[in-house]
Amino acid sequence: MPYGVAMPGDRTLRERDDTSTRLLDAAERIFATRGIEAASVRAITDAAGANVAAVRYHFGSKQDLVKALVERRVEEMAECRRPLFDAAMRRDTVTSRDIAEAWVRPLAAMALDGRGTRRAYLSFIVVIQGASPELRAMTSAAFQPQHKQFAPLLERALPDIPEAVRWFRFALAAESTVRALANLDRARAPWTAHGGIDDADVVEHLVDAMAGLLDSPCSTPPANRAPSAR
């Protein structure tokens, strides 16, 4: 079980060869390297070995193709995270490290998938973060069900931290870890002069970093308490 989670199994040969799946795989790679606005539908259909009308036939618009890409991987992440959520909720005490494990490890397993079929996903998510407001809103909506699963873990692990601060920290840590996993060469750079570091240790440091960020002291007043009047 690589990096502490089990990835969904291989698709059947029929599914892997399905035109819509080939279009999704090609679009994920091309969006990740060229950006969404710059990538043409023709480039995607050419890479997928499909005719130029295939995107409209299978998905509708280019934006619908982006939505299908996000939803496909969100479902995979939900499947990977479910046992981590369940295990954490069964514990008497939930820690920030439990939250970090549930966030980082499924993404790491995807980023380091030896078959290479899912590696482009994280670069694609980084591209989405800089895309149009409409695409960012669509992505946020797709991730909302998983964020709801993190909510009780955050509340139990950080009961003395205001809710808005919990989510600020989670969003900051989540985006940082995605960017690190999308560019592992850059993530490994601090160790270059010290003999290097392997991928498994990078993942451990990412878990440590996210847990530490979540656990850091809070300088704002407690939740629902206004600053005293002067």
Protein backbone atom coordinates (compact mmCIF):
# COMPACT_ATOMS: atom_id res chain seq x y z
CA MET A 1 0.00 0.00 0.00
CA PRO A 2 2.11 2.96 -1.25
CA TYR A 3 2.38 6.04 1.00
CA GLY A 4 -0.19 4.64 3.44
CA VAL A 5 -3.24 4.51 1.19
CA ALA A 6 -4.67 2.21 -1.46
CA MET A 7 -5.35 3.77 -4.84
CA PRO A 8 -8.38 2.65 -6.84
CA GLY A 9 -7.60 -0.38 -9.01
CA ASP A 10 -6.84 -0.27 -12.69
CA ARG A 11 -9.73 0.21 -15.01
CA THR A 12 -10.67 -2.66 -17.27
CA LEU A 13 -9.13 -2.69 -20.73
CA ARG A 14 -12.47 -1.65 -22.22
CA GLU A 15 -12.69 1.35 -19.89
CA ARG A 16 -9.08 2.40 -20.48
CA ASP A 17 -9.68 2.33 -24.23
CA ASP A 18 -12.98 4.16 -24.01
CA THR A 19 -12.91 7.41 -26.00
CA SER A 20 -14.18 9.55 -23.13
CA THR A 21 -11.47 8.18 -20.82
CA ARG A 22 -8.78 8.84 -23.43
CA LEU A 23 -10.06 12.40 -23.77
CA LEU A 24 -9.95 12.91 -20.01
CA ASP A 25 -6.41 11.52 -19.75
CA ALA A 26 -5.19 13.66 -22.66
CA ALA A 27 -6.91 16.81 -21.37
CA GLU A 28 -5.44 16.34 -17.90
CA ARG A 29 -1.90 16.13 -19.32
CA ILE A 30 -2.35 19.04 -21.72
CA PHE A 31 -4.10 21.36 -19.26
CA ALA A 32 -1.37 20.61 -16.69
CA THR A 33 1.41 21.67 -19.05
CA ARG A 34 -0.18 24.38 -21.22
CA GLY A 35 -2.89 25.84 -19.01
CA ILE A 36 -6.61 25.66 -19.63
CA GLU A 37 -7.09 28.80 -21.71
CA ALA A 38 -4.08 28.07 -23.95
CA ALA A 39 -4.93 24.41 -24.57
CA SER A 40 -7.00 23.83 -27.70
CA VAL A 41 -9.71 21.24 -28.06
CA ARG A 42 -7.99 20.03 -31.23
CA ALA A 43 -4.76 19.37 -29.29
CA ILE A 44 -6.73 17.27 -26.82
CA THR A 45 -8.57 15.26 -29.45
CA ASP A 46 -5.35 14.70 -31.41
CA ALA A 47 -3.60 13.42 -28.27
CA ALA A 48 -6.54 11.15 -27.50
CA GLY A 49 -6.72 9.79 -31.05
CA ALA A 50 -10.29 11.06 -31.42
CA ASN A 51 -12.06 13.20 -33.98
CA VAL A 52 -12.50 16.94 -33.43
CA ALA A 53 -16.17 16.60 -32.45
CA ALA A 54 -15.48 14.08 -29.69
CA VAL A 55 -15.23 16.58 -26.83
CA ARG A 56 -18.60 18.12 -27.66
CA TYR A 57 -20.17 14.68 -28.12
CA HIS A 58 -18.90 13.22 -24.83
CA PHE A 59 -18.82 16.29 -22.57
CA GLY A 60 -20.34 19.35 -24.21
CA SER A 61 -18.09 22.37 -23.80
CA LYS A 62 -14.44 22.73 -22.86
CA GLN A 63 -15.55 23.91 -19.41
CA ASP A 64 -17.67 20.77 -19.05
CA LEU A 65 -14.55 18.73 -19.84
CA VAL A 66 -12.68 20.54 -17.05
CA LYS A 67 -15.55 19.80 -14.66
CA ALA A 68 -15.51 16.12 -15.59
CA LEU A 69 -11.75 15.99 -14.95
CA VAL A 70 -12.12 17.52 -11.49
CA GLU A 71 -15.01 15.26 -10.54
CA ARG A 72 -13.21 12.12 -11.71
CA ARG A 73 -10.24 12.66 -9.41
CA VAL A 74 -12.34 14.00 -6.53
CA GLU A 75 -14.16 10.68 -6.47
CA GLU A 76 -10.83 8.81 -6.39
CA MET A 77 -9.60 10.99 -3.53
CA ALA A 78 -12.83 10.42 -1.60
CA GLU A 79 -12.41 6.67 -1.95
CA CYS A 80 -8.80 6.84 -0.72
CA ARG A 81 -9.59 9.14 2.19
CA ARG A 82 -12.61 7.27 3.51
CA PRO A 83 -10.66 4.72 5.61
CA LEU A 84 -8.42 7.51 6.96
CA PHE A 85 -11.46 9.55 7.99
CA ASP A 86 -13.11 6.53 9.58
CA ALA A 87 -9.98 5.57 11.53
CA ALA A 88 -9.51 9.12 12.83
CA MET A 89 -13.14 9.47 13.92
CA ARG A 90 -12.93 6.21 15.89
CA ARG A 91 -10.05 7.54 18.00
CA ASP A 92 -10.70 9.12 21.39
CA THR A 93 -8.53 12.07 20.39
CA VAL A 94 -8.12 13.54 16.90
CA THR A 95 -4.85 15.33 16.20
CA SER A 96 -3.68 17.72 13.53
CA ARG A 97 -1.46 14.94 12.24
CA ASP A 98 -4.56 12.80 11.60
CA ILE A 99 -5.88 15.61 9.42
CA ALA A 100 -2.55 16.03 7.65
CA GLU A 101 -2.32 12.28 6.97
CA ALA A 102 -5.83 12.24 5.48
CA TRP A 103 -5.04 15.17 3.20
CA VAL A 104 -1.47 14.48 2.12
CA ARG A 105 -1.15 10.72 1.73
CA PRO A 106 -3.83 10.14 -0.96
CA LEU A 107 -2.42 13.03 -2.98
CA ALA A 108 1.09 11.67 -2.57
CA ALA A 109 0.01 8.23 -3.75
CA MET A 110 -1.49 9.84 -6.84
CA ALA A 111 1.49 12.10 -7.52
CA LEU A 112 3.92 9.19 -7.17
CA ASP A 113 1.85 6.62 -9.02
CA GLY A 114 4.45 4.47 -10.76
CA ARG A 115 2.17 3.95 -13.74
CA GLY A 116 2.18 7.67 -14.43
CA THR A 117 -1.52 7.81 -15.27
CA ARG A 118 -2.45 10.16 -12.43
CA ARG A 119 0.67 12.27 -12.00
CA ALA A 120 -0.62 15.19 -14.07
CA TYR A 121 -3.58 15.71 -11.75
CA LEU A 122 -1.80 17.83 -9.16
CA SER A 123 -0.25 20.09 -11.82
CA PHE A 124 -3.74 20.40 -13.29
CA ILE A 125 -5.09 21.49 -9.87
CA VAL A 126 -2.33 24.11 -9.61
CA VAL A 127 -3.39 25.41 -13.03
CA ILE A 128 -7.03 25.53 -11.87
CA GLN A 129 -6.01 27.68 -8.89
CA GLY A 130 -4.91 30.36 -11.34
CA ALA A 131 -7.82 29.96 -13.77
CA SER A 132 -10.95 32.06 -14.20
CA PRO A 133 -13.24 32.74 -11.20
CA GLU A 134 -15.87 30.49 -12.79
CA LEU A 135 -13.53 27.52 -12.97
CA ARG A 136 -12.25 28.12 -9.44
CA ALA A 137 -15.83 28.25 -8.15
CA MET A 138 -16.66 25.02 -9.98
CA THR A 139 -13.63 23.32 -8.44
CA SER A 140 -14.53 24.53 -4.95
CA ALA A 141 -18.05 23.16 -5.36
CA ALA A 142 -16.68 19.77 -6.44
CA PHE A 143 -14.41 19.59 -3.37
CA GLN A 144 -17.09 20.75 -0.93
CA PRO A 145 -18.28 17.25 0.09
CA GLN A 146 -14.73 16.29 1.11
CA HIS A 147 -14.26 19.54 3.00
CA LYS A 148 -17.36 18.69 4.99
CA GLN A 149 -15.67 15.44 6.01
CA PHE A 150 -12.67 17.38 7.30
CA ALA A 151 -14.88 19.73 9.35
CA PRO A 152 -15.48 17.41 12.36
CA LEU A 153 -11.80 16.43 12.39
CA LEU A 154 -10.74 20.08 12.48
CA GLU A 155 -13.24 20.84 15.23
CA ARG A 156 -12.05 17.95 17.40
CA ALA A 157 -8.35 18.54 16.79
CA LEU A 158 -8.47 22.34 17.20
CA PRO A 159 -11.38 23.10 19.56
CA ASP A 160 -9.76 26.32 20.88
CA ILE A 161 -9.06 27.76 17.43
CA PRO A 162 -11.77 29.95 15.84
CA GLU A 163 -13.53 28.18 12.98
CA ALA A 164 -12.51 30.76 10.38
CA VAL A 165 -8.87 30.39 11.45
CA ARG A 166 -9.08 26.60 11.22
CA TRP A 167 -10.28 26.83 7.63
CA PHE A 168 -7.73 29.53 6.76
CA ARG A 169 -4.94 27.26 7.99
CA PHE A 170 -6.38 24.21 6.28
CA ALA A 171 -6.71 26.04 2.95
CA LEU A 172 -3.18 27.41 3.22
CA ALA A 173 -1.70 24.02 4.08
CA ALA A 174 -3.77 22.21 1.47
CA GLU A 175 -2.66 24.51 -1.35
CA SER A 176 0.98 24.38 -0.25
CA THR A 177 1.10 20.59 -0.17
CA VAL A 178 -0.57 20.32 -3.57
CA ARG A 179 2.02 22.66 -5.06
CA ALA A 180 4.87 20.74 -3.43
CA LEU A 181 3.64 17.39 -4.72
CA ALA A 182 3.06 18.86 -8.19
CA ASN A 183 6.72 19.90 -8.35
CA LEU A 184 8.73 17.38 -6.36
CA ASP A 185 12.03 18.53 -7.85
CA ARG A 186 11.50 21.92 -6.24
CA ALA A 187 10.30 20.33 -3.00
CA ARG A 188 13.50 18.27 -2.80
CA ALA A 189 15.76 21.27 -3.52
CA PRO A 190 16.59 22.16 0.15
CA TRP A 191 18.20 18.73 0.52
CA THR A 192 20.26 18.90 -2.69
CA ALA A 193 23.39 20.08 -0.90
CA HIS A 194 22.93 17.48 1.84
CA GLY A 195 22.88 14.26 -0.15
CA GLY A 196 19.31 14.47 -1.43
CA ILE A 197 16.08 12.97 -0.12
CA ASP A 198 13.75 10.27 -1.37
CA ASP A 199 10.08 10.73 -2.16
CA ALA A 200 8.83 8.84 0.90
CA ASP A 201 10.71 11.22 3.21
CA VAL A 202 9.38 14.26 1.34
CA VAL A 203 5.86 12.97 2.02
CA GLU A 204 6.66 12.58 5.73
CA HIS A 205 7.95 16.16 5.88
CA LEU A 206 4.81 17.42 4.13
CA VAL A 207 2.65 15.67 6.73
CA ASP A 208 4.79 17.17 9.51
CA ALA A 209 4.58 20.65 7.97
CA MET A 210 0.81 20.58 7.56
CA ALA A 211 0.29 19.29 11.10
CA GLY A 212 2.59 21.99 12.45
CA LEU A 213 0.80 24.76 10.58
CA LEU A 214 -2.59 23.59 11.89
CA ASP A 215 -1.23 23.40 15.45
CA SER A 216 0.47 26.80 15.54
CA PRO A 217 -0.55 29.31 18.27
CA CYS A 218 -3.42 31.66 17.52
CA SER A 219 -3.06 35.38 18.28
CA THR A 220 -6.68 36.33 17.53
CA PRO A 221 -9.49 36.40 20.13
CA PRO A 222 -11.41 33.12 20.65
CA ALA A 223 -14.34 32.37 18.34
CA ASN A 224 -17.46 34.49 18.84
CA ARG A 225 -15.69 36.89 21.21
CA ALA A 226 -15.31 40.47 20.04
CA PRO A 227 -12.26 42.51 21.04
CA SER A 228 -12.87 44.50 24.22
CA ALA A 229 -13.96 48.10 23.77
CA ARG A 230 -11.47 50.82 24.68
